[in-house]
Amino acid sequence: MKFEHVLVQMKDRMPEKRYIHTKGVAMTAVHLAKKYGEDIDKAELAGILHDSVKYAEKEWLREKIISEKMDPNLLQYHHELWHAPVGSYVAEHEFQIHDEDILNAIKYHTTGRAGMSPLEKIIYISDMIEPSRNYPGVELLREKAEIDLEDAMVSCMVHSMTFLIDKKQPVFPDSFHCYNDLIQKKGKVNE
């Protein structure tokens, strides 16, 4: 890995299982970036940093969302979503990452959004399918990721939203906007 020095910094920020996940996301993102002609370095770095504050104190995350004037709607949803936008802030201010695509890939890796770049999709998908993930349906998502990035993104988004709906949990609006955007771009609206 080109950014091994950044990966090492993640080790103290998370439990071993999450560190293994982080390495898996970075490796999967590099693989998908190669496959789909995207920047490998950006994919690796975004993969390494995507969960940098996953285990930060909930109150600290809340304070960052407020003080940095992030989307206030986040505070109305499960705190599991908070580490993504705050992680983007940390990537910029602590790790001096100023590439907007990397920052957005980190920021939207839990919710998706309308108008996602290929790198954002790669990080979203990689987070769901990296090798240590083990849940019903993951193999199908892995297969789709090898065939078509857009189809894999739709399937990952459907899987995520269905999981939340089945648990009777609210779905963040960006996820619906992401799904609708993906479907509309495929021209499926009037079928």
Protein backbone atom coordinates (compact mmCIF):
# COMPACT_ATOMS: atom_id res chain seq x y z
CA MET A 1 0.00 0.00 0.00
CA LYS A 2 1.23 3.44 -0.94
CA PHE A 3 -0.39 5.06 2.11
CA GLU A 4 0.74 2.53 4.72
CA HIS A 5 1.83 5.42 6.98
CA VAL A 6 -1.76 6.71 7.06
CA LEU A 7 -3.12 3.22 7.63
CA VAL A 8 -0.82 2.82 10.66
CA GLN A 9 -2.38 5.96 12.15
CA MET A 10 -5.81 4.31 11.98
CA LYS A 11 -4.68 1.38 14.15
CA ASP A 12 -4.92 3.40 17.39
CA ARG A 13 -8.31 4.86 16.46
CA MET A 14 -10.28 1.64 16.20
CA PRO A 15 -10.62 -1.95 17.40
CA GLU A 16 -8.69 -4.64 15.50
CA LYS A 17 -11.82 -5.85 13.69
CA ARG A 18 -12.49 -2.34 12.32
CA TYR A 19 -8.82 -1.98 11.37
CA ILE A 20 -9.10 -5.20 9.33
CA HIS A 21 -12.27 -3.77 7.76
CA THR A 22 -10.45 -0.52 6.95
CA LYS A 23 -7.62 -2.37 5.22
CA GLY A 24 -10.21 -4.41 3.34
CA VAL A 25 -12.05 -1.30 2.17
CA ALA A 26 -8.79 0.26 0.95
CA MET A 27 -7.78 -2.91 -0.92
CA THR A 28 -11.25 -3.34 -2.44
CA ALA A 29 -11.34 0.33 -3.45
CA VAL A 30 -7.96 0.00 -5.19
CA HIS A 31 -9.23 -3.09 -7.02
CA LEU A 32 -12.43 -1.34 -8.16
CA ALA A 33 -10.54 1.83 -9.11
CA LYS A 34 -8.26 -0.22 -11.36
CA LYS A 35 -11.23 -2.06 -12.83
CA TYR A 36 -13.21 1.10 -13.59
CA GLY A 37 -10.33 3.41 -14.57
CA GLU A 38 -10.39 5.64 -11.51
CA ASP A 39 -7.49 7.11 -9.52
CA ILE A 40 -5.97 4.31 -7.43
CA ASP A 41 -4.24 6.61 -4.95
CA LYS A 42 -7.44 8.53 -4.23
CA ALA A 43 -9.34 5.27 -3.78
CA GLU A 44 -6.75 3.89 -1.35
CA LEU A 45 -6.58 7.07 0.71
CA ALA A 46 -10.37 7.47 0.92
CA GLY A 47 -10.68 3.80 1.88
CA ILE A 48 -8.13 4.16 4.66
CA LEU A 49 -9.68 7.34 6.07
CA HIS A 50 -13.39 6.52 5.67
CA ASP A 51 -13.85 5.33 9.29
CA SER A 52 -11.21 7.52 10.95
CA VAL A 53 -13.66 8.81 13.59
CA LYS A 54 -16.06 5.84 13.72
CA TYR A 55 -15.14 5.32 17.39
CA ALA A 56 -14.98 8.96 18.43
CA GLU A 57 -17.18 10.07 21.32
CA LYS A 58 -20.77 10.64 20.25
CA GLU A 59 -20.88 14.04 21.94
CA TRP A 60 -17.70 15.17 20.18
CA LEU A 61 -19.20 14.13 16.82
CA ARG A 62 -22.39 16.06 17.66
CA GLU A 63 -20.38 19.15 18.59
CA LYS A 64 -18.40 18.99 15.31
CA ILE A 65 -21.61 18.72 13.27
CA ILE A 66 -22.93 21.83 15.03
CA SER A 67 -19.72 23.89 15.19
CA GLU A 68 -18.74 23.18 11.57
CA LYS A 69 -22.29 23.85 10.35
CA MET A 70 -22.73 20.43 8.79
CA ASP A 71 -26.20 19.26 7.75
CA PRO A 72 -28.25 19.71 10.96
CA ASN A 73 -30.64 16.96 9.80
CA LEU A 74 -27.92 14.45 10.71
CA LEU A 75 -28.70 15.04 14.38
CA GLN A 76 -32.24 13.73 13.84
CA TYR A 77 -30.88 10.36 12.63
CA HIS A 78 -28.87 7.54 14.18
CA HIS A 79 -25.41 8.61 15.33
CA GLU A 80 -23.89 5.83 13.17
CA LEU A 81 -24.20 8.29 10.27
CA TRP A 82 -22.23 11.05 11.99
CA HIS A 83 -18.74 9.61 11.55
CA ALA A 84 -18.87 10.04 7.77
CA PRO A 85 -19.25 13.85 7.51
CA VAL A 86 -17.08 14.41 10.58
CA GLY A 87 -14.53 12.00 9.11
CA SER A 88 -14.41 14.13 5.98
CA TYR A 89 -13.74 17.19 8.16
CA VAL A 90 -10.95 15.32 9.99
CA ALA A 91 -9.43 14.15 6.69
CA GLU A 92 -9.22 17.75 5.55
CA HIS A 93 -8.09 19.40 8.78
CA GLU A 94 -5.98 16.72 10.43
CA PHE A 95 -4.66 14.77 7.44
CA GLN A 96 -4.48 17.79 5.11
CA ILE A 97 -6.52 16.17 2.34
CA HIS A 98 -7.87 18.89 0.06
CA ASP A 99 -9.13 16.79 -2.83
CA GLU A 100 -12.90 17.34 -2.94
CA ASP A 101 -13.57 13.91 -4.45
CA ILE A 102 -11.75 12.11 -1.62
CA LEU A 103 -13.51 14.27 0.98
CA ASN A 104 -16.92 13.58 -0.57
CA ALA A 105 -16.19 9.84 -0.81
CA ILE A 106 -15.60 9.85 2.95
CA LYS A 107 -18.51 12.19 3.68
CA TYR A 108 -21.12 10.14 1.82
CA HIS A 109 -19.91 6.59 2.42
CA THR A 110 -22.79 5.87 4.82
CA THR A 111 -25.70 7.55 3.02
CA GLY A 112 -24.78 8.04 -0.60
CA ARG A 113 -26.18 11.10 -2.38
CA ALA A 114 -27.53 12.20 -5.73
CA GLY A 115 -24.77 12.90 -8.24
CA MET A 116 -22.11 10.66 -6.73
CA SER A 117 -18.76 10.55 -8.51
CA PRO A 118 -17.28 7.19 -9.51
CA LEU A 119 -14.86 7.42 -6.55
CA GLU A 120 -17.73 8.05 -4.13
CA LYS A 121 -19.51 4.97 -5.50
CA ILE A 122 -16.33 2.90 -5.23
CA ILE A 123 -15.91 3.77 -1.54
CA TYR A 124 -19.60 3.20 -0.77
CA ILE A 125 -19.52 -0.21 -2.48
CA SER A 126 -16.11 -1.17 -1.04
CA ASP A 127 -17.37 -0.44 2.46
CA MET A 128 -20.19 -2.94 1.89
CA ILE A 129 -18.32 -5.74 0.10
CA GLU A 130 -14.76 -5.79 1.46
CA PRO A 131 -13.51 -9.32 2.29
CA SER A 132 -14.31 -9.33 6.03
CA ARG A 133 -17.99 -8.48 5.44
CA ASN A 134 -20.22 -11.48 5.96
CA TYR A 135 -23.99 -11.05 5.68
CA PRO A 136 -26.76 -12.51 3.53
CA GLY A 137 -26.48 -11.10 0.02
CA VAL A 138 -22.87 -9.89 0.17
CA GLU A 139 -21.68 -12.43 -2.43
CA LEU A 140 -24.23 -11.17 -4.96
CA LEU A 141 -23.12 -7.58 -4.30
CA ARG A 142 -19.49 -8.63 -4.83
CA GLU A 143 -20.42 -10.28 -8.13
CA LYS A 144 -22.26 -7.18 -9.31
CA ALA A 145 -19.29 -4.97 -8.39
CA GLU A 146 -17.15 -7.03 -10.78
CA ILE A 147 -19.59 -6.50 -13.65
CA ASP A 148 -21.01 -2.97 -13.50
CA LEU A 149 -20.32 -0.14 -11.05
CA GLU A 150 -23.72 1.52 -11.54
CA ASP A 151 -25.69 -1.70 -11.09
CA ALA A 152 -23.62 -2.56 -8.02
CA MET A 153 -24.32 0.88 -6.55
CA VAL A 154 -28.07 0.50 -7.07
CA SER A 155 -27.98 -2.96 -5.47
CA CYS A 156 -25.92 -1.74 -2.51
CA MET A 157 -28.24 1.21 -1.97
CA VAL A 158 -31.33 -1.04 -2.13
CA HIS A 159 -29.69 -3.47 0.31
CA SER A 160 -28.86 -0.67 2.78
CA MET A 161 -32.29 0.94 2.66
CA THR A 162 -34.11 -2.41 2.86
CA PHE A 163 -32.02 -3.32 5.92
CA LEU A 164 -33.05 -0.08 7.65
CA ILE A 165 -36.69 -0.35 6.62
CA ASP A 166 -36.89 -3.97 7.80
CA LYS A 167 -35.58 -2.81 11.19
CA LYS A 168 -38.12 0.03 11.17
CA GLN A 169 -35.32 2.59 11.21
CA PRO A 170 -35.51 5.94 9.41
CA VAL A 171 -33.61 6.32 6.14
CA PHE A 172 -31.59 9.51 5.70
CA PRO A 173 -32.96 11.59 2.79
CA ASP A 174 -29.63 11.54 0.90
CA SER A 175 -30.06 7.79 0.48
CA PHE A 176 -33.45 8.18 -1.20
CA HIS A 177 -32.06 10.96 -3.40
CA CYS A 178 -29.13 8.71 -4.30
CA TYR A 179 -31.38 5.81 -5.24
CA ASN A 180 -33.72 8.02 -7.29
CA ASP A 181 -30.78 9.64 -9.08
CA LEU A 182 -29.26 6.26 -9.95
CA ILE A 183 -32.57 4.92 -11.27
CA GLN A 184 -33.36 8.06 -13.25
CA LYS A 185 -29.91 7.98 -14.88
CA LYS A 186 -30.57 4.39 -15.93
CA GLY A 187 -33.75 5.60 -17.64
CA LYS A 188 -35.99 3.32 -15.58
CA VAL A 189 -38.53 5.99 -14.62
CA ASN A 190 -41.14 5.45 -17.33
CA GLU A 191 -40.85 1.68 -17.81
